[in-house]
């Protein structure tokens, strides 16, 4: 757990955008890992098995939120990334706005596209690792990422005029 906890937290946080909920979900994920430990087969590698559980948990959470409007978070998702301690207030504000635009655009993607992009761009996983984590072929991952990046480009271009 100590080896992968931070990476799992970052993935979950980037997927849902809520730090407190992400901490709770990481606990749930590692509880699932513990309960499923007997079913683990070393053919895929612990790391990709863990990311598969993480991806499924995040995707299932969003499906539950979509089915039950009362399940949604009470506060909107917000970005907490800052430009750094020596940054001017203006550059910090611009960085927060940019981060929020990216978060909104990511949130608009279909769940599997969103997870594929997070695992590729933020976690540095290879296409093969992402395919194991999402339980699909490498060509399906390529398609998810291509379509997701095309949608992100369109959304980010449209965002300033919204």
C-alpha atoms as a PDB file:
ATOM      1  CA  UNK A   1       0.000   0.000   0.000  1.00  0.00           C
ATOM      2  CA  UNK A   2       2.720   2.465   0.933  1.00  0.00           C
ATOM      3  CA  UNK A   3       4.433   1.875  -2.407  1.00  0.00           C
ATOM      4  CA  UNK A   4       1.421   2.791  -4.580  1.00  0.00           C
ATOM      5  CA  UNK A   5      -0.827   4.866  -2.316  1.00  0.00           C
ATOM      6  CA  UNK A   6       0.308   8.248  -3.633  1.00  0.00           C
ATOM      7  CA  UNK A   7       0.006   7.218  -7.286  1.00  0.00           C
ATOM      8  CA  UNK A   8      -3.469   5.785  -6.749  1.00  0.00           C
ATOM      9  CA  UNK A   9      -4.483   8.958  -4.878  1.00  0.00           C
ATOM     10  CA  UNK A  10      -3.262  11.184  -7.736  1.00  0.00           C
ATOM     11  CA  UNK A  11      -5.180   9.132 -10.286  1.00  0.00           C
ATOM     12  CA  UNK A  12      -8.389   9.176  -8.264  1.00  0.00           C
ATOM     13  CA  UNK A  13      -8.046  12.879  -7.458  1.00  0.00           C
ATOM     14  CA  UNK A  14      -7.524  13.746 -11.115  1.00  0.00           C
ATOM     15  CA  UNK A  15     -10.543  11.654 -12.025  1.00  0.00           C
ATOM     16  CA  UNK A  16     -12.978  13.079  -9.461  1.00  0.00           C
ATOM     17  CA  UNK A  17     -11.389  16.414  -8.476  1.00  0.00           C
ATOM     18  CA  UNK A  18     -12.256  16.242  -4.768  1.00  0.00           C
ATOM     19  CA  UNK A  19      -9.336  15.717  -2.359  1.00  0.00           C
ATOM     20  CA  UNK A  20     -11.375  14.424   0.578  1.00  0.00           C
ATOM     21  CA  UNK A  21     -13.444  12.057  -1.544  1.00  0.00           C
ATOM     22  CA  UNK A  22     -10.244  10.863  -3.253  1.00  0.00           C
ATOM     23  CA  UNK A  23      -8.695   9.954   0.127  1.00  0.00           C
ATOM     24  CA  UNK A  24     -11.820   7.982   1.025  1.00  0.00           C
ATOM     25  CA  UNK A  25     -11.832   6.242  -2.341  1.00  0.00           C
ATOM     26  CA  UNK A  26      -8.166   5.265  -2.002  1.00  0.00           C
ATOM     27  CA  UNK A  27      -9.032   3.532   1.259  1.00  0.00           C
ATOM     28  CA  UNK A  28     -11.919   1.752  -0.478  1.00  0.00           C
ATOM     29  CA  UNK A  29      -9.633   0.723  -3.343  1.00  0.00           C
ATOM     30  CA  UNK A  30      -6.996  -0.752  -1.049  1.00  0.00           C
ATOM     31  CA  UNK A  31      -9.716  -2.555   0.878  1.00  0.00           C
ATOM     32  CA  UNK A  32     -10.859  -4.063  -2.440  1.00  0.00           C
ATOM     33  CA  UNK A  33      -7.251  -5.010  -3.206  1.00  0.00           C
ATOM     34  CA  UNK A  34      -6.951  -6.718   0.165  1.00  0.00           C
ATOM     35  CA  UNK A  35     -10.203  -8.617  -0.331  1.00  0.00           C
ATOM     36  CA  UNK A  36      -9.283  -9.638  -3.874  1.00  0.00           C
ATOM     37  CA  UNK A  37      -5.671 -10.568  -3.055  1.00  0.00           C
ATOM     38  CA  UNK A  38      -6.409 -14.282  -3.294  1.00  0.00           C
ATOM     39  CA  UNK A  39      -7.590 -13.838  -6.896  1.00  0.00           C
ATOM     40  CA  UNK A  40      -4.447 -11.970  -7.976  1.00  0.00           C
ATOM     41  CA  UNK A  41      -2.443 -13.775 -10.653  1.00  0.00           C
ATOM     42  CA  UNK A  42       1.067 -12.440 -11.269  1.00  0.00           C
ATOM     43  CA  UNK A  43       0.748 -12.699 -15.058  1.00  0.00           C
ATOM     44  CA  UNK A  44      -0.376  -9.041 -15.388  1.00  0.00           C
ATOM     45  CA  UNK A  45       1.789  -7.494 -12.688  1.00  0.00           C
ATOM     46  CA  UNK A  46       0.687  -5.997  -9.386  1.00  0.00           C
ATOM     47  CA  UNK A  47       0.883  -2.442 -10.659  1.00  0.00           C
ATOM     48  CA  UNK A  48      -1.507  -2.952 -13.590  1.00  0.00           C
ATOM     49  CA  UNK A  49      -3.842  -5.099 -11.483  1.00  0.00           C
ATOM     50  CA  UNK A  50      -4.020  -2.269  -8.928  1.00  0.00           C
ATOM     51  CA  UNK A  51      -4.702   0.300 -11.643  1.00  0.00           C
ATOM     52  CA  UNK A  52      -7.454  -1.895 -13.060  1.00  0.00           C
ATOM     53  CA  UNK A  53      -9.169  -1.920  -9.667  1.00  0.00           C
ATOM     54  CA  UNK A  54      -8.618   1.843  -9.397  1.00  0.00           C
ATOM     55  CA  UNK A  55     -10.031   2.550 -12.866  1.00  0.00           C
ATOM     56  CA  UNK A  56     -13.068   0.326 -12.302  1.00  0.00           C
ATOM     57  CA  UNK A  57     -13.744   1.917  -8.916  1.00  0.00           C
ATOM     58  CA  UNK A  58     -13.645   5.456 -10.385  1.00  0.00           C
ATOM     59  CA  UNK A  59     -15.782   4.556 -13.387  1.00  0.00           C
ATOM     60  CA  UNK A  60     -18.323   2.747 -11.195  1.00  0.00           C
ATOM     61  CA  UNK A  61     -18.539   5.790  -8.901  1.00  0.00           C
ATOM     62  CA  UNK A  62     -19.413   8.056 -11.822  1.00  0.00           C
ATOM     63  CA  UNK A  63     -22.001   5.580 -13.072  1.00  0.00           C
ATOM     64  CA  UNK A  64     -23.583   5.591  -9.615  1.00  0.00           C
ATOM     65  CA  UNK A  65     -23.565   9.399  -9.578  1.00  0.00           C
ATOM     66  CA  UNK A  66     -25.231   9.501 -12.985  1.00  0.00           C
ATOM     67  CA  UNK A  67     -28.001   7.119 -11.849  1.00  0.00           C
ATOM     68  CA  UNK A  68     -28.608   8.812  -8.478  1.00  0.00           C
ATOM     69  CA  UNK A  69     -28.594  12.632  -8.471  1.00  0.00           C
ATOM     70  CA  UNK A  70     -28.673  12.662  -4.662  1.00  0.00           C
ATOM     71  CA  UNK A  71     -25.355  10.798  -4.633  1.00  0.00           C
ATOM     72  CA  UNK A  72     -23.489  13.696  -6.262  1.00  0.00           C
ATOM     73  CA  UNK A  73     -20.984  15.677  -4.224  1.00  0.00           C
ATOM     74  CA  UNK A  74     -22.466  18.614  -2.332  1.00  0.00           C
ATOM     75  CA  UNK A  75     -19.784  20.999  -3.573  1.00  0.00           C
ATOM     76  CA  UNK A  76     -18.731  21.427  -7.188  1.00  0.00           C
ATOM     77  CA  UNK A  77     -15.413  19.969  -8.278  1.00  0.00           C
ATOM     78  CA  UNK A  78     -12.667  22.561  -7.989  1.00  0.00           C
ATOM     79  CA  UNK A  79      -9.000  22.658  -8.813  1.00  0.00           C
ATOM     80  CA  UNK A  80      -6.568  23.389  -6.002  1.00  0.00           C
ATOM     81  CA  UNK A  81      -3.371  23.507  -8.062  1.00  0.00           C
ATOM     82  CA  UNK A  82      -1.326  26.691  -7.591  1.00  0.00           C
ATOM     83  CA  UNK A  83       1.499  28.202  -9.593  1.00  0.00           C
ATOM     84  CA  UNK A  84       3.978  28.063  -6.697  1.00  0.00           C
ATOM     85  CA  UNK A  85       4.986  30.106  -3.644  1.00  0.00           C
ATOM     86  CA  UNK A  86       7.004  32.737  -5.559  1.00  0.00           C
ATOM     87  CA  UNK A  87       4.406  33.254  -8.271  1.00  0.00           C
ATOM     88  CA  UNK A  88       2.612  36.550  -8.522  1.00  0.00           C
ATOM     89  CA  UNK A  89      -1.074  36.645  -7.555  1.00  0.00           C
ATOM     90  CA  UNK A  90      -1.908  37.234 -11.209  1.00  0.00           C
ATOM     91  CA  UNK A  91       0.023  34.178 -12.463  1.00  0.00           C
ATOM     92  CA  UNK A  92      -1.440  32.072  -9.633  1.00  0.00           C
ATOM     93  CA  UNK A  93      -4.940  33.117 -10.683  1.00  0.00           C
ATOM     94  CA  UNK A  94      -4.208  32.359 -14.346  1.00  0.00           C
ATOM     95  CA  UNK A  95      -2.839  28.916 -13.397  1.00  0.00           C
ATOM     96  CA  UNK A  96      -5.926  28.137 -11.297  1.00  0.00           C
ATOM     97  CA  UNK A  97      -8.210  29.222 -14.138  1.00  0.00           C
ATOM     98  CA  UNK A  98      -6.293  27.082 -16.619  1.00  0.00           C
ATOM     99  CA  UNK A  99      -6.407  24.091 -14.280  1.00  0.00           C
ATOM    100  CA  UNK A 100     -10.149  24.568 -13.791  1.00  0.00           C
ATOM    101  CA  UNK A 101     -10.696  24.729 -17.569  1.00  0.00           C
ATOM    102  CA  UNK A 102      -8.790  21.466 -18.002  1.00  0.00           C
ATOM    103  CA  UNK A 103     -10.722  19.854 -15.135  1.00  0.00           C
ATOM    104  CA  UNK A 104     -14.064  20.889 -16.667  1.00  0.00           C
ATOM    105  CA  UNK A 105     -13.014  19.608 -20.075  1.00  0.00           C
ATOM    106  CA  UNK A 106     -11.835  16.275 -18.620  1.00  0.00           C
ATOM    107  CA  UNK A 107     -15.088  15.965 -16.671  1.00  0.00           C
ATOM    108  CA  UNK A 108     -17.035  16.358 -19.924  1.00  0.00           C
ATOM    109  CA  UNK A 109     -15.370  13.299 -21.474  1.00  0.00           C
ATOM    110  CA  UNK A 110     -16.896   9.835 -21.351  1.00  0.00           C
ATOM    111  CA  UNK A 111     -15.568   7.927 -18.313  1.00  0.00           C
ATOM    112  CA  UNK A 112     -13.279   5.498 -20.141  1.00  0.00           C
ATOM    113  CA  UNK A 113     -11.756   8.237 -22.320  1.00  0.00           C
ATOM    114  CA  UNK A 114     -11.159  10.339 -19.243  1.00  0.00           C
ATOM    115  CA  UNK A 115      -9.461   7.496 -17.365  1.00  0.00           C
ATOM    116  CA  UNK A 116      -7.304   6.558 -20.376  1.00  0.00           C
ATOM    117  CA  UNK A 117      -6.067  10.141 -20.733  1.00  0.00           C
ATOM    118  CA  UNK A 118      -5.387  10.495 -17.003  1.00  0.00           C
ATOM    119  CA  UNK A 119      -3.400   7.260 -16.956  1.00  0.00           C
ATOM    120  CA  UNK A 120      -1.420   8.276 -20.059  1.00  0.00           C
ATOM    121  CA  UNK A 121      -0.773  11.986 -19.491  1.00  0.00           C
ATOM    122  CA  UNK A 122      -0.654  12.269 -15.721  1.00  0.00           C
ATOM    123  CA  UNK A 123       0.485   8.821 -14.580  1.00  0.00           C
ATOM    124  CA  UNK A 124       2.767   8.028 -17.508  1.00  0.00           C
ATOM    125  CA  UNK A 125       1.400   4.546 -18.187  1.00  0.00           C
ATOM    126  CA  UNK A 126       2.083   2.915 -21.536  1.00  0.00           C
ATOM    127  CA  UNK A 127      -0.740   1.961 -23.886  1.00  0.00           C
ATOM    128  CA  UNK A 128      -0.212  -1.691 -22.920  1.00  0.00           C
ATOM    129  CA  UNK A 129      -0.480  -0.862 -19.201  1.00  0.00           C
ATOM    130  CA  UNK A 130      -3.606   1.202 -19.826  1.00  0.00           C
ATOM    131  CA  UNK A 131      -5.151  -1.652 -21.812  1.00  0.00           C
ATOM    132  CA  UNK A 132      -4.535  -3.973 -18.848  1.00  0.00           C
ATOM    133  CA  UNK A 133      -5.910  -1.417 -16.406  1.00  0.00           C
ATOM    134  CA  UNK A 134      -9.068  -0.824 -18.456  1.00  0.00           C
ATOM    135  CA  UNK A 135      -9.481  -4.413 -19.602  1.00  0.00           C
ATOM    136  CA  UNK A 136      -9.452  -3.682 -23.316  1.00  0.00           C
ATOM    137  CA  UNK A 137      -7.120  -4.015 -26.300  1.00  0.00           C
ATOM    138  CA  UNK A 138      -4.262  -1.652 -27.061  1.00  0.00           C
ATOM    139  CA  UNK A 139      -6.075  -0.536 -30.219  1.00  0.00           C
ATOM    140  CA  UNK A 140      -9.129   0.299 -28.090  1.00  0.00           C
ATOM    141  CA  UNK A 141      -6.890   2.407 -25.824  1.00  0.00           C
ATOM    142  CA  UNK A 142      -5.470   4.187 -28.873  1.00  0.00           C
ATOM    143  CA  UNK A 143      -9.011   4.948 -29.987  1.00  0.00           C
ATOM    144  CA  UNK A 144     -10.100   6.121 -26.507  1.00  0.00           C
ATOM    145  CA  UNK A 145      -7.127   8.452 -26.241  1.00  0.00           C
ATOM    146  CA  UNK A 146      -7.452   9.779 -29.793  1.00  0.00           C
ATOM    147  CA  UNK A 147     -11.168  10.517 -29.436  1.00  0.00           C
ATOM    148  CA  UNK A 148     -10.668  11.956 -25.938  1.00  0.00           C
ATOM    149  CA  UNK A 149      -7.840  14.261 -27.045  1.00  0.00           C
ATOM    150  CA  UNK A 150      -9.864  15.463 -30.036  1.00  0.00           C
ATOM    151  CA  UNK A 151     -12.799  16.247 -27.753  1.00  0.00           C
ATOM    152  CA  UNK A 152     -10.502  17.989 -25.251  1.00  0.00           C
ATOM    153  CA  UNK A 153      -9.060  20.192 -27.995  1.00  0.00           C
ATOM    154  CA  UNK A 154     -12.549  21.232 -29.090  1.00  0.00           C
ATOM    155  CA  UNK A 155     -13.693  21.863 -25.516  1.00  0.00           C
ATOM    156  CA  UNK A 156     -10.616  23.890 -24.602  1.00  0.00           C
ATOM    157  CA  UNK A 157     -10.964  26.016 -27.722  1.00  0.00           C
ATOM    158  CA  UNK A 158     -14.651  26.643 -26.965  1.00  0.00           C
ATOM    159  CA  UNK A 159     -14.139  27.220 -23.193  1.00  0.00           C
ATOM    160  CA  UNK A 160     -12.979  30.889 -23.261  1.00  0.00           C
ATOM    161  CA  UNK A 161     -16.041  32.013 -25.215  1.00  0.00           C
ATOM    162  CA  UNK A 162     -18.472  30.125 -22.919  1.00  0.00           C
END
